[in-house]
C-alpha cells in the first residue's frame, strides 16, 4: 500500500488498525502484528509503535509485557459506551454555547443550518456536520476537553458516517441542537447531543451486526 502524503504516518497506522477492527479482520483479543502492518503500509516500525501507544491510551488496544499489543474488548456494549461518552463530551460544548452564544457563533449556527439543508449529497452533509462541530469545539472547549473529543472521534472514522440517508437520520437532531443554542437553553442543547450520540450508537451497532463483526465474536 503506498504512503498517504499529507497525513501523519502514525495517523495512517491508527486508521488502518481501526479499519481492521471495524471490518472484523481484527477481533477482541487478537494480537497486533507490527511487522505485517509495516509491510502493508510501507512504513517503519516507529509510527506503528506510536499508533499502538495512542490506541492503548484511547482504550482500543492493551499491551502486555514481552507479549505485544492486543485488541481490547470490542462489542455492542463497548460501542454504546463510547457513544455515551461522546454525547456527554459534545454536550458540554453545546451547553456552554447555549449559555453564551456570541454573535460570531450565532452567525455560524445560521450558516450551518443552511449547509445542512442545502447539502447535495451525504458527503457534503457530513462535511457540514464536521465543520459545525469543529468550530463549536474550538470556541467553547479547552485543551483537555478538545483532546478527549479528538480521542473519541478517532474511534470511528469520519468516513463511516458518509452514507446515503445520513441527512435524514441526523439532520433533525442537529437542528434541535442549534435551535436550543439559539434560544439559550443549555439543558436542551446537551440533551440533543446525547440523543444524537445514542442514534449514532444504534446505527453503528446495526451495521456491525449486519456485517457479522459482532455475530462472529469469539
N, C-alpha and C. Protein backbone atom coordinates (compact mmCIF):
# COMPACT_ATOMS: atom_id res chain seq x y z
N UNK A 1 0.85 -1.19 0.00
CA UNK A 1 0.00 0.00 0.00
C UNK A 1 0.88 1.24 0.00
N UNK A 2 0.66 2.20 -0.92
CA UNK A 2 1.51 3.39 -0.98
C UNK A 2 1.25 4.32 0.20
N UNK A 3 2.27 5.13 0.51
CA UNK A 3 2.11 6.10 1.58
C UNK A 3 1.04 7.13 1.20
N UNK A 4 0.38 7.68 2.23
CA UNK A 4 -0.62 8.72 2.02
C UNK A 4 0.02 10.04 2.40
N UNK A 5 0.34 10.86 1.41
CA UNK A 5 1.04 12.10 1.69
C UNK A 5 0.06 13.14 2.25
N UNK A 6 0.57 13.97 3.19
CA UNK A 6 -0.26 14.97 3.83
C UNK A 6 -0.92 14.46 5.10
N UNK A 7 -0.74 13.18 5.43
CA UNK A 7 -1.29 12.58 6.65
C UNK A 7 -0.13 12.01 7.45
N UNK A 8 -0.11 12.28 8.75
CA UNK A 8 0.95 11.75 9.59
C UNK A 8 0.99 10.23 9.49
N UNK A 9 2.21 9.67 9.46
CA UNK A 9 2.34 8.23 9.34
C UNK A 9 1.67 7.51 10.51
N UNK A 10 1.81 8.08 11.71
CA UNK A 10 1.16 7.48 12.88
C UNK A 10 -0.35 7.43 12.70
N UNK A 11 -0.94 8.48 12.13
CA UNK A 11 -2.38 8.52 11.92
C UNK A 11 -2.81 7.50 10.86
N UNK A 12 -1.95 7.27 9.86
CA UNK A 12 -2.25 6.23 8.87
C UNK A 12 -2.36 4.86 9.54
N UNK A 13 -1.47 4.61 10.48
CA UNK A 13 -1.49 3.32 11.17
C UNK A 13 -2.73 3.22 12.06
N UNK A 14 -3.05 4.30 12.77
CA UNK A 14 -4.25 4.31 13.61
C UNK A 14 -5.48 3.99 12.77
N UNK A 15 -5.62 4.68 11.62
CA UNK A 15 -6.77 4.45 10.74
C UNK A 15 -6.79 3.00 10.24
N UNK A 16 -5.62 2.47 9.94
CA UNK A 16 -5.52 1.10 9.41
C UNK A 16 -5.97 0.08 10.46
N UNK A 17 -5.52 0.25 11.69
CA UNK A 17 -5.90 -0.68 12.74
C UNK A 17 -7.38 -0.57 13.06
N UNK A 18 -7.88 0.66 13.14
CA UNK A 18 -9.32 0.86 13.40
C UNK A 18 -10.15 0.22 12.29
N UNK A 19 -9.71 0.40 11.04
CA UNK A 19 -10.44 -0.19 9.92
C UNK A 19 -10.47 -1.71 10.02
N UNK A 20 -9.36 -2.31 10.44
CA UNK A 20 -9.33 -3.76 10.58
C UNK A 20 -10.27 -4.23 11.69
N UNK A 21 -10.41 -3.43 12.74
CA UNK A 21 -11.34 -3.79 13.82
C UNK A 21 -12.78 -3.67 13.34
N UNK A 22 -13.09 -2.56 12.67
CA UNK A 22 -14.46 -2.32 12.22
C UNK A 22 -14.88 -3.28 11.12
N UNK A 23 -13.92 -3.80 10.37
CA UNK A 23 -14.24 -4.75 9.30
C UNK A 23 -14.23 -6.19 9.78
N UNK A 24 -13.81 -6.41 11.03
CA UNK A 24 -13.77 -7.76 11.56
C UNK A 24 -12.49 -8.51 11.30
N UNK A 25 -11.53 -7.87 10.63
CA UNK A 25 -10.25 -8.55 10.38
C UNK A 25 -9.43 -8.68 11.67
N UNK A 26 -9.67 -7.79 12.60
CA UNK A 26 -9.11 -7.90 13.95
C UNK A 26 -10.27 -7.97 14.92
N UNK A 27 -10.17 -8.89 15.89
CA UNK A 27 -11.26 -9.07 16.85
C UNK A 27 -10.72 -9.02 18.27
N UNK A 28 -11.64 -9.01 19.20
CA UNK A 28 -11.28 -8.95 20.61
C UNK A 28 -10.21 -10.00 20.94
N UNK A 29 -9.11 -9.55 21.55
CA UNK A 29 -8.04 -10.46 21.96
C UNK A 29 -7.00 -10.74 20.91
N UNK A 30 -7.22 -10.31 19.65
CA UNK A 30 -6.23 -10.56 18.60
C UNK A 30 -4.96 -9.75 18.86
N UNK A 31 -3.83 -10.33 18.50
CA UNK A 31 -2.54 -9.67 18.65
C UNK A 31 -2.25 -8.82 17.42
N UNK A 32 -1.69 -7.63 17.65
CA UNK A 32 -1.32 -6.75 16.56
C UNK A 32 0.02 -7.20 15.99
N UNK A 33 0.02 -7.47 14.69
CA UNK A 33 1.24 -7.91 14.01
C UNK A 33 1.96 -6.67 13.47
N UNK A 34 2.92 -6.18 14.23
CA UNK A 34 3.64 -4.96 13.84
C UNK A 34 4.35 -5.12 12.50
N UNK A 35 4.99 -6.25 12.30
CA UNK A 35 5.75 -6.48 11.07
C UNK A 35 4.83 -6.47 9.85
N UNK A 36 3.69 -7.12 9.97
CA UNK A 36 2.74 -7.16 8.86
C UNK A 36 2.24 -5.77 8.52
N UNK A 37 1.96 -4.95 9.53
CA UNK A 37 1.46 -3.60 9.30
C UNK A 37 2.52 -2.73 8.62
N UNK A 38 3.77 -2.85 9.06
CA UNK A 38 4.82 -2.05 8.42
C UNK A 38 4.95 -2.39 6.95
N UNK A 39 4.80 -3.67 6.61
CA UNK A 39 4.90 -4.09 5.21
C UNK A 39 3.68 -3.63 4.41
N UNK A 40 2.49 -3.76 4.99
CA UNK A 40 1.27 -3.37 4.28
C UNK A 40 1.24 -1.88 4.00
N UNK A 41 1.73 -1.06 4.93
CA UNK A 41 1.66 0.39 4.77
C UNK A 41 2.95 0.98 4.23
N UNK A 42 4.00 0.17 4.15
CA UNK A 42 5.27 0.68 3.64
C UNK A 42 5.91 1.69 4.58
N UNK A 43 5.76 1.47 5.88
CA UNK A 43 6.28 2.40 6.88
C UNK A 43 7.31 1.70 7.76
N UNK A 44 8.01 2.49 8.56
CA UNK A 44 8.93 1.93 9.54
C UNK A 44 8.15 1.50 10.78
N UNK A 45 8.83 0.89 11.72
CA UNK A 45 8.16 0.42 12.93
C UNK A 45 7.86 1.57 13.90
N UNK A 46 8.50 2.73 13.71
CA UNK A 46 8.31 3.84 14.65
C UNK A 46 6.87 4.35 14.64
N UNK A 47 6.28 4.71 13.47
CA UNK A 47 4.88 5.15 13.51
C UNK A 47 3.91 4.07 13.96
N UNK A 48 4.27 2.81 13.72
CA UNK A 48 3.42 1.71 14.20
C UNK A 48 3.39 1.70 15.71
N UNK A 49 4.56 1.85 16.33
CA UNK A 49 4.62 1.88 17.79
C UNK A 49 3.91 3.11 18.34
N UNK A 50 4.06 4.26 17.67
CA UNK A 50 3.37 5.48 18.10
C UNK A 50 1.85 5.29 18.06
N UNK A 51 1.37 4.63 17.00
CA UNK A 51 -0.06 4.39 16.86
C UNK A 51 -0.57 3.46 17.95
N UNK A 52 0.22 2.43 18.24
CA UNK A 52 -0.17 1.48 19.29
C UNK A 52 -0.27 2.18 20.64
N UNK A 53 0.67 3.07 20.93
CA UNK A 53 0.64 3.82 22.19
C UNK A 53 -0.62 4.69 22.26
N UNK A 54 -0.97 5.34 21.15
CA UNK A 54 -2.18 6.17 21.14
C UNK A 54 -3.42 5.32 21.35
N UNK A 55 -3.50 4.20 20.63
CA UNK A 55 -4.68 3.35 20.73
C UNK A 55 -4.79 2.69 22.10
N UNK A 56 -3.66 2.45 22.74
CA UNK A 56 -3.69 1.94 24.11
C UNK A 56 -4.23 3.03 25.04
N UNK A 57 -3.75 4.26 24.85
CA UNK A 57 -4.23 5.38 25.66
C UNK A 57 -5.73 5.58 25.48
N UNK A 58 -6.23 5.33 24.27
CA UNK A 58 -7.66 5.53 23.97
C UNK A 58 -8.52 4.33 24.37
N UNK A 59 -7.90 3.27 24.89
CA UNK A 59 -8.66 2.12 25.36
C UNK A 59 -9.04 1.13 24.29
N UNK A 60 -8.44 1.23 23.10
CA UNK A 60 -8.78 0.34 22.00
C UNK A 60 -7.85 -0.88 21.97
N UNK A 61 -6.59 -0.67 22.36
CA UNK A 61 -5.62 -1.76 22.47
C UNK A 61 -5.11 -1.83 23.90
N UNK A 62 -4.50 -2.96 24.23
CA UNK A 62 -3.78 -3.09 25.50
C UNK A 62 -2.47 -3.81 25.22
N UNK A 63 -1.44 -3.45 25.93
CA UNK A 63 -0.14 -4.09 25.74
C UNK A 63 0.18 -4.97 26.94
N UNK A 64 0.87 -6.06 26.66
CA UNK A 64 1.28 -7.00 27.70
C UNK A 64 2.79 -7.18 27.62
N UNK A 65 3.43 -7.09 28.73
CA UNK A 65 4.90 -7.10 28.79
C UNK A 65 5.46 -8.34 28.10
N UNK A 66 6.33 -8.09 27.12
CA UNK A 66 7.02 -9.15 26.36
C UNK A 66 6.06 -10.00 25.51
N UNK A 67 4.80 -9.58 25.39
CA UNK A 67 3.85 -10.35 24.58
C UNK A 67 3.30 -9.55 23.41
N UNK A 68 3.29 -8.23 23.51
CA UNK A 68 2.81 -7.41 22.41
C UNK A 68 1.54 -6.65 22.72
N UNK A 69 0.88 -6.17 21.67
CA UNK A 69 -0.35 -5.38 21.80
C UNK A 69 -1.53 -6.20 21.29
N UNK A 70 -2.65 -6.07 21.98
CA UNK A 70 -3.83 -6.87 21.67
C UNK A 70 -5.08 -5.97 21.63
N UNK A 71 -6.05 -6.39 20.83
CA UNK A 71 -7.31 -5.65 20.73
C UNK A 71 -8.09 -5.82 22.03
N UNK A 72 -8.48 -4.69 22.61
CA UNK A 72 -9.31 -4.73 23.81
C UNK A 72 -10.72 -5.21 23.44
N UNK A 73 -11.56 -5.40 24.43
CA UNK A 73 -12.93 -5.87 24.17
C UNK A 73 -13.62 -4.92 23.20
N UNK A 74 -14.18 -5.48 22.15
CA UNK A 74 -14.90 -4.69 21.15
C UNK A 74 -16.21 -5.40 20.86
N UNK A 75 -17.28 -4.89 21.43
CA UNK A 75 -18.60 -5.49 21.28
C UNK A 75 -19.66 -4.40 21.34
N UNK A 76 -20.92 -4.81 21.35
CA UNK A 76 -22.01 -3.83 21.35
C UNK A 76 -21.93 -2.90 22.56
N UNK A 77 -21.63 -3.45 23.73
CA UNK A 77 -21.54 -2.62 24.94
C UNK A 77 -20.43 -1.58 24.82
N UNK A 78 -19.31 -1.97 24.20
CA UNK A 78 -18.19 -1.05 24.01
C UNK A 78 -18.60 0.11 23.11
N UNK A 79 -19.30 -0.20 22.02
CA UNK A 79 -19.73 0.84 21.09
C UNK A 79 -20.72 1.79 21.76
N UNK A 80 -21.64 1.23 22.51
CA UNK A 80 -22.64 2.08 23.19
C UNK A 80 -21.98 2.95 24.26
N UNK A 81 -21.02 2.40 24.99
CA UNK A 81 -20.32 3.19 26.00
C UNK A 81 -19.53 4.32 25.34
N UNK A 82 -18.86 4.01 24.24
CA UNK A 82 -18.11 5.03 23.52
C UNK A 82 -19.00 6.21 23.14
N UNK A 83 -20.15 5.91 22.56
CA UNK A 83 -21.03 6.99 22.12
C UNK A 83 -21.69 7.72 23.28
N UNK A 84 -21.91 7.01 24.36
CA UNK A 84 -22.44 7.68 25.55
C UNK A 84 -21.45 8.75 26.04
N UNK A 85 -20.17 8.39 26.07
CA UNK A 85 -19.14 9.34 26.48
C UNK A 85 -19.03 10.49 25.48
N UNK A 86 -19.10 10.16 24.19
CA UNK A 86 -19.01 11.20 23.16
C UNK A 86 -20.18 12.18 23.29
N UNK A 87 -21.36 11.66 23.56
CA UNK A 87 -22.52 12.52 23.74
C UNK A 87 -22.35 13.46 24.92
N UNK A 88 -21.77 12.95 26.01
CA UNK A 88 -21.53 13.78 27.19
C UNK A 88 -20.53 14.88 26.87
N UNK A 89 -19.44 14.52 26.20
CA UNK A 89 -18.38 15.49 25.89
C UNK A 89 -18.88 16.60 24.97
N UNK A 90 -19.54 16.22 23.89
CA UNK A 90 -20.06 17.24 22.98
C UNK A 90 -21.21 18.01 23.62
N UNK A 91 -21.92 17.36 24.54
CA UNK A 91 -23.00 18.04 25.25
C UNK A 91 -22.47 19.16 26.13
N UNK A 92 -21.29 18.97 26.71
CA UNK A 92 -20.67 20.04 27.50
C UNK A 92 -20.42 21.27 26.62
N UNK A 93 -19.90 21.03 25.42
CA UNK A 93 -19.61 22.12 24.49
C UNK A 93 -20.90 22.83 24.08
N UNK A 94 -21.91 22.07 23.70
CA UNK A 94 -23.18 22.66 23.27
C UNK A 94 -23.84 23.44 24.41
N UNK A 95 -23.75 22.92 25.62
CA UNK A 95 -24.32 23.60 26.77
C UNK A 95 -23.62 24.94 27.01
N UNK A 96 -22.31 24.96 26.88
CA UNK A 96 -21.57 26.21 27.03
C UNK A 96 -21.95 27.20 25.95
N UNK A 97 -22.12 26.70 24.73
CA UNK A 97 -22.51 27.58 23.63
C UNK A 97 -23.88 28.21 23.89
N UNK A 98 -24.81 27.41 24.42
CA UNK A 98 -26.15 27.93 24.71
C UNK A 98 -26.13 28.94 25.85
N UNK A 99 -25.18 28.80 26.76
CA UNK A 99 -25.06 29.73 27.88
C UNK A 99 -24.50 31.07 27.43
N UNK A 100 -23.63 31.04 26.40
CA UNK A 100 -23.02 32.27 25.91
C UNK A 100 -22.89 32.23 24.40
N UNK A 101 -24.02 32.34 23.69
CA UNK A 101 -23.97 32.31 22.22
C UNK A 101 -23.52 33.66 21.65
N UNK A 102 -22.23 33.78 21.35
CA UNK A 102 -21.69 35.04 20.85
C UNK A 102 -22.21 35.33 19.44
N UNK A 103 -22.17 36.60 19.01
CA UNK A 103 -22.63 36.93 17.65
C UNK A 103 -21.93 36.10 16.58
N UNK A 104 -20.64 35.84 16.75
CA UNK A 104 -19.91 35.05 15.75
C UNK A 104 -20.46 33.63 15.69
N UNK A 105 -20.76 33.06 16.85
CA UNK A 105 -21.29 31.70 16.88
C UNK A 105 -22.72 31.66 16.36
N UNK A 106 -23.51 32.68 16.67
CA UNK A 106 -24.88 32.72 16.15
C UNK A 106 -24.87 32.76 14.62
N UNK A 107 -23.94 33.52 14.05
CA UNK A 107 -23.80 33.54 12.59
C UNK A 107 -23.37 32.18 12.07
N UNK A 108 -22.49 31.53 12.81
CA UNK A 108 -22.04 30.17 12.43
C UNK A 108 -23.21 29.19 12.46
N UNK A 109 -24.08 29.32 13.47
CA UNK A 109 -25.24 28.44 13.55
C UNK A 109 -26.13 28.60 12.33
N UNK A 110 -26.35 29.87 11.93
CA UNK A 110 -27.20 30.12 10.76
C UNK A 110 -26.59 29.53 9.50
N UNK A 111 -25.29 29.71 9.32
CA UNK A 111 -24.65 29.18 8.10
C UNK A 111 -24.63 27.66 8.12
N UNK A 112 -24.51 27.07 9.30
CA UNK A 112 -24.52 25.61 9.40
C UNK A 112 -25.89 25.06 9.06
N UNK A 113 -26.94 25.71 9.54
CA UNK A 113 -28.29 25.26 9.20
C UNK A 113 -28.50 25.26 7.70
N UNK A 114 -28.04 26.33 7.05
CA UNK A 114 -28.18 26.40 5.59
C UNK A 114 -27.39 25.28 4.92
N UNK A 115 -26.18 25.05 5.42
CA UNK A 115 -25.35 24.00 4.83
C UNK A 115 -25.99 22.63 5.01
N UNK A 116 -26.58 22.37 6.17
CA UNK A 116 -27.24 21.09 6.40
C UNK A 116 -28.39 20.89 5.42
N UNK A 117 -29.19 21.93 5.27
CA UNK A 117 -30.40 21.82 4.45
C UNK A 117 -30.11 21.81 2.95
N UNK A 118 -29.00 22.44 2.54
CA UNK A 118 -28.70 22.55 1.11
C UNK A 118 -27.68 21.52 0.64
N UNK A 119 -27.22 20.65 1.52
CA UNK A 119 -26.23 19.64 1.12
C UNK A 119 -26.76 18.79 -0.02
N UNK A 120 -25.96 18.68 -1.08
CA UNK A 120 -26.41 17.96 -2.26
C UNK A 120 -26.31 16.46 -2.11
N UNK A 121 -25.45 16.00 -1.20
CA UNK A 121 -25.28 14.57 -1.02
C UNK A 121 -24.77 14.28 0.39
N UNK A 122 -24.54 13.02 0.68
CA UNK A 122 -24.12 12.62 2.03
C UNK A 122 -22.74 13.16 2.38
N UNK A 123 -21.87 13.28 1.39
CA UNK A 123 -20.53 13.79 1.65
C UNK A 123 -20.57 15.25 2.08
N UNK A 124 -21.36 16.05 1.38
CA UNK A 124 -21.49 17.47 1.73
C UNK A 124 -22.13 17.63 3.09
N UNK A 125 -23.13 16.82 3.38
CA UNK A 125 -23.79 16.92 4.68
C UNK A 125 -22.82 16.58 5.80
N UNK A 126 -22.04 15.51 5.64
CA UNK A 126 -21.10 15.11 6.69
C UNK A 126 -20.02 16.17 6.87
N UNK A 127 -19.57 16.79 5.78
CA UNK A 127 -18.57 17.84 5.90
C UNK A 127 -19.14 19.04 6.65
N UNK A 128 -20.41 19.36 6.39
CA UNK A 128 -21.06 20.46 7.11
C UNK A 128 -21.15 20.15 8.60
N UNK A 129 -21.46 18.91 8.93
CA UNK A 129 -21.52 18.50 10.34
C UNK A 129 -20.15 18.62 10.99
N UNK A 130 -19.12 18.18 10.27
CA UNK A 130 -17.75 18.23 10.77
C UNK A 130 -17.32 19.67 11.03
N UNK A 131 -17.61 20.56 10.07
CA UNK A 131 -17.24 21.97 10.21
C UNK A 131 -17.97 22.61 11.39
N UNK A 132 -19.24 22.30 11.51
CA UNK A 132 -20.05 22.85 12.61
C UNK A 132 -19.47 22.44 13.96
N UNK A 133 -19.18 21.17 14.12
CA UNK A 133 -18.69 20.66 15.40
C UNK A 133 -17.30 21.22 15.72
N UNK A 134 -16.42 21.30 14.71
CA UNK A 134 -15.07 21.78 14.95
C UNK A 134 -15.05 23.23 15.43
N UNK A 135 -15.90 24.07 14.84
CA UNK A 135 -15.92 25.48 15.25
C UNK A 135 -16.47 25.63 16.67
N UNK A 136 -17.51 24.88 17.00
CA UNK A 136 -18.02 24.92 18.37
C UNK A 136 -16.96 24.46 19.36
N UNK A 137 -16.28 23.36 19.03
CA UNK A 137 -15.25 22.85 19.92
C UNK A 137 -14.13 23.86 20.13
N UNK A 138 -13.72 24.50 19.04
CA UNK A 138 -12.64 25.49 19.13
C UNK A 138 -13.04 26.68 19.99
N UNK A 139 -14.32 27.03 19.97
CA UNK A 139 -14.80 28.22 20.69
C UNK A 139 -15.05 27.94 22.17
N UNK A 140 -15.56 26.75 22.48
CA UNK A 140 -16.06 26.52 23.84
C UNK A 140 -15.36 25.39 24.61
N UNK A 141 -14.46 24.66 23.99
CA UNK A 141 -13.77 23.57 24.68
C UNK A 141 -12.32 23.94 24.93
N UNK A 142 -11.87 23.71 26.17
CA UNK A 142 -10.47 23.92 26.49
C UNK A 142 -9.62 22.80 25.95
N UNK A 143 -8.30 22.87 26.14
CA UNK A 143 -7.41 21.87 25.54
C UNK A 143 -7.67 20.44 26.02
N UNK A 144 -8.01 20.27 27.30
CA UNK A 144 -8.26 18.91 27.80
C UNK A 144 -9.54 18.33 27.20
N UNK A 145 -10.58 19.15 27.13
CA UNK A 145 -11.85 18.68 26.56
C UNK A 145 -11.69 18.41 25.07
N UNK A 146 -10.96 19.28 24.36
CA UNK A 146 -10.73 19.05 22.94
C UNK A 146 -9.95 17.74 22.71
N UNK A 147 -8.98 17.47 23.56
CA UNK A 147 -8.20 16.24 23.43
C UNK A 147 -9.09 15.02 23.64
N UNK A 148 -9.99 15.10 24.61
CA UNK A 148 -10.90 13.98 24.87
C UNK A 148 -11.85 13.76 23.71
N UNK A 149 -12.32 14.85 23.11
CA UNK A 149 -13.23 14.73 21.97
C UNK A 149 -12.49 14.15 20.77
N UNK A 150 -11.26 14.59 20.53
CA UNK A 150 -10.47 14.04 19.41
C UNK A 150 -10.25 12.55 19.59
N UNK A 151 -9.97 12.14 20.82
CA UNK A 151 -9.77 10.71 21.08
C UNK A 151 -11.04 9.93 20.77
N UNK A 152 -12.20 10.49 21.10
CA UNK A 152 -13.46 9.83 20.80
C UNK A 152 -13.71 9.74 19.31
N UNK A 153 -13.35 10.80 18.59
CA UNK A 153 -13.58 10.82 17.14
C UNK A 153 -12.70 9.80 16.42
N UNK A 154 -11.51 9.52 16.95
CA UNK A 154 -10.61 8.59 16.26
C UNK A 154 -11.11 7.16 16.33
N UNK A 155 -12.00 6.88 17.26
CA UNK A 155 -12.52 5.52 17.42
C UNK A 155 -13.38 5.11 16.22
N UNK A 156 -14.09 6.07 15.66
CA UNK A 156 -14.93 5.81 14.49
C UNK A 156 -14.55 6.81 13.40
N UNK A 157 -13.92 6.38 12.32
CA UNK A 157 -13.51 7.31 11.26
C UNK A 157 -14.67 8.12 10.72
N UNK A 158 -14.39 9.36 10.37
CA UNK A 158 -15.42 10.24 9.83
C UNK A 158 -16.10 9.63 8.61
N UNK A 159 -15.34 8.85 7.83
CA UNK A 159 -15.89 8.25 6.62
C UNK A 159 -17.02 7.26 6.91
N UNK A 160 -17.08 6.73 8.13
CA UNK A 160 -18.12 5.77 8.48
C UNK A 160 -19.50 6.38 8.34
N UNK A 161 -19.60 7.72 8.55
CA UNK A 161 -20.90 8.37 8.56
C UNK A 161 -21.29 8.97 7.22
N UNK A 162 -20.48 8.76 6.20
CA UNK A 162 -20.79 9.29 4.87
C UNK A 162 -21.59 8.27 4.08
N UNK A 163 -22.81 8.00 4.52
CA UNK A 163 -23.65 7.01 3.86
C UNK A 163 -24.94 7.67 3.39
N UNK A 164 -25.57 7.14 2.35
CA UNK A 164 -26.84 7.70 1.88
C UNK A 164 -27.86 7.67 3.01
N UNK A 165 -28.51 8.77 3.21
CA UNK A 165 -29.52 8.83 4.26
C UNK A 165 -29.03 9.45 5.55
N UNK A 166 -27.74 9.85 5.60
CA UNK A 166 -27.25 10.43 6.85
C UNK A 166 -27.95 11.75 7.19
N UNK A 167 -28.33 12.51 6.16
CA UNK A 167 -29.03 13.77 6.43
C UNK A 167 -30.41 13.50 7.02
N UNK A 168 -31.10 12.47 6.52
CA UNK A 168 -32.41 12.11 7.07
C UNK A 168 -32.29 11.67 8.53
N UNK A 169 -31.24 10.92 8.83
CA UNK A 169 -31.05 10.42 10.18
C UNK A 169 -30.64 11.52 11.16
N UNK A 170 -29.67 12.35 10.74
CA UNK A 170 -29.05 13.27 11.69
C UNK A 170 -29.48 14.73 11.53
N UNK A 171 -30.05 15.09 10.40
CA UNK A 171 -30.47 16.47 10.21
C UNK A 171 -31.35 17.00 11.33
N UNK A 172 -32.41 16.27 11.72
CA UNK A 172 -33.30 16.77 12.77
C UNK A 172 -32.62 17.00 14.12
N UNK A 173 -31.69 16.12 14.51
CA UNK A 173 -31.06 16.30 15.83
C UNK A 173 -30.04 17.43 15.80
N UNK A 174 -29.39 17.66 14.66
CA UNK A 174 -28.51 18.82 14.56
C UNK A 174 -29.33 20.12 14.64
N UNK A 175 -30.47 20.15 13.97
CA UNK A 175 -31.31 21.34 14.04
C UNK A 175 -31.83 21.54 15.46
N UNK A 176 -32.15 20.45 16.13
CA UNK A 176 -32.61 20.54 17.52
C UNK A 176 -31.53 21.16 18.41
N UNK A 177 -30.29 20.75 18.21
CA UNK A 177 -29.18 21.31 18.99
C UNK A 177 -28.99 22.79 18.69
N UNK A 178 -29.00 23.14 17.41
CA UNK A 178 -28.77 24.53 17.02
C UNK A 178 -29.88 25.44 17.55
N UNK A 179 -31.12 25.00 17.45
CA UNK A 179 -32.23 25.82 17.96
C UNK A 179 -32.14 26.00 19.47
N UNK A 180 -31.70 24.96 20.18
CA UNK A 180 -31.53 25.06 21.63
C UNK A 180 -30.45 26.08 21.98
N UNK A 181 -29.35 26.08 21.23
CA UNK A 181 -28.29 27.06 21.47
C UNK A 181 -28.80 28.47 21.19
N UNK A 182 -29.53 28.63 20.11
CA UNK A 182 -30.02 29.95 19.73
C UNK A 182 -30.96 30.53 20.79
N UNK A 183 -31.77 29.70 21.39
CA UNK A 183 -32.71 30.24 22.40
C UNK A 183 -32.12 30.23 23.81
N UNK A 184 -30.83 29.86 23.92
CA UNK A 184 -30.16 29.91 25.20
C UNK A 184 -30.60 28.86 26.18
N UNK A 185 -30.82 27.64 25.71
CA UNK A 185 -31.29 26.54 26.55
C UNK A 185 -30.20 25.47 26.66
N UNK A 186 -29.29 25.59 27.65
CA UNK A 186 -28.16 24.65 27.73
C UNK A 186 -28.58 23.21 27.97
N UNK A 187 -29.64 22.98 28.74
CA UNK A 187 -30.07 21.61 29.01
C UNK A 187 -30.56 20.93 27.73
N UNK A 188 -31.34 21.65 26.93
CA UNK A 188 -31.85 21.09 25.68
C UNK A 188 -30.71 20.86 24.68
N UNK A 189 -29.72 21.76 24.66
CA UNK A 189 -28.58 21.58 23.76
C UNK A 189 -27.79 20.34 24.14
N UNK A 190 -27.58 20.15 25.44
CA UNK A 190 -26.85 18.97 25.91
C UNK A 190 -27.62 17.69 25.58
N UNK A 191 -28.92 17.70 25.82
CA UNK A 191 -29.72 16.51 25.55
C UNK A 191 -29.76 16.17 24.06
N UNK A 192 -29.73 17.20 23.21
CA UNK A 192 -29.71 16.95 21.76
C UNK A 192 -28.43 16.21 21.37
N UNK A 193 -27.30 16.58 21.99
CA UNK A 193 -26.03 15.88 21.71
C UNK A 193 -26.09 14.44 22.18
N UNK A 194 -26.66 14.22 23.35
CA UNK A 194 -26.76 12.85 23.86
C UNK A 194 -27.72 12.02 23.00
N UNK A 195 -28.78 12.65 22.53
CA UNK A 195 -29.73 11.96 21.65
C UNK A 195 -29.06 11.57 20.34
N UNK A 196 -28.26 12.48 19.77
CA UNK A 196 -27.57 12.19 18.52
C UNK A 196 -26.57 11.05 18.72
N UNK A 197 -25.83 11.08 19.85
CA UNK A 197 -24.85 10.03 20.12
C UNK A 197 -25.52 8.67 20.29
N UNK A 198 -26.69 8.66 20.91
CA UNK A 198 -27.43 7.40 21.06
C UNK A 198 -27.85 6.85 19.71
N UNK A 199 -28.26 7.75 18.81
CA UNK A 199 -28.63 7.34 17.46
C UNK A 199 -27.40 6.81 16.71
N UNK A 200 -26.26 7.48 16.87
CA UNK A 200 -25.02 7.02 16.24
C UNK A 200 -24.66 5.61 16.71
N UNK A 201 -24.82 5.36 18.01
CA UNK A 201 -24.51 4.04 18.55
C UNK A 201 -25.40 2.98 17.93
N UNK A 202 -26.69 3.28 17.81
CA UNK A 202 -27.63 2.31 17.24
C UNK A 202 -27.27 1.99 15.79
N UNK A 203 -26.96 3.03 15.01
CA UNK A 203 -26.62 2.84 13.61
C UNK A 203 -25.34 2.01 13.48
N UNK A 204 -24.36 2.29 14.32
CA UNK A 204 -23.10 1.57 14.24
C UNK A 204 -23.27 0.11 14.66
N UNK A 205 -24.02 -0.11 15.73
CA UNK A 205 -24.26 -1.48 16.19
C UNK A 205 -25.00 -2.27 15.12
N UNK A 206 -26.02 -1.65 14.52
CA UNK A 206 -26.79 -2.33 13.47
C UNK A 206 -25.90 -2.69 12.28
N UNK A 207 -25.00 -1.78 11.91
CA UNK A 207 -24.11 -2.02 10.77
C UNK A 207 -23.13 -3.14 11.08
N UNK A 208 -22.53 -3.10 12.25
CA UNK A 208 -21.54 -4.12 12.60
C UNK A 208 -22.18 -5.48 12.83
N UNK A 209 -23.42 -5.48 13.26
CA UNK A 209 -24.15 -6.75 13.40
C UNK A 209 -24.48 -7.29 12.01
N UNK A 210 -24.95 -6.41 11.11
CA UNK A 210 -25.31 -6.82 9.76
C UNK A 210 -24.12 -7.39 9.00
N UNK A 211 -22.94 -6.84 9.23
CA UNK A 211 -21.75 -7.32 8.52
C UNK A 211 -21.08 -8.50 9.23
N UNK A 212 -21.65 -8.92 10.35
CA UNK A 212 -21.13 -10.10 11.04
C UNK A 212 -19.98 -9.86 11.98
N UNK A 213 -19.59 -8.60 12.18
CA UNK A 213 -18.45 -8.31 13.05
C UNK A 213 -18.75 -8.72 14.48
N UNK A 214 -19.94 -8.42 14.96
CA UNK A 214 -20.30 -8.79 16.32
C UNK A 214 -20.75 -10.24 16.41
N UNK A 215 -21.50 -10.71 15.42
CA UNK A 215 -22.02 -12.07 15.47
C UNK A 215 -20.90 -13.09 15.54
N UNK A 216 -19.76 -12.77 14.93
CA UNK A 216 -18.67 -13.74 14.83
C UNK A 216 -17.65 -13.58 15.95
N UNK A 217 -17.96 -12.72 16.94
CA UNK A 217 -17.01 -12.53 18.03
C UNK A 217 -16.72 -13.85 18.74
N UNK A 218 -15.46 -14.04 19.12
CA UNK A 218 -15.09 -15.26 19.83
C UNK A 218 -15.37 -15.08 21.32
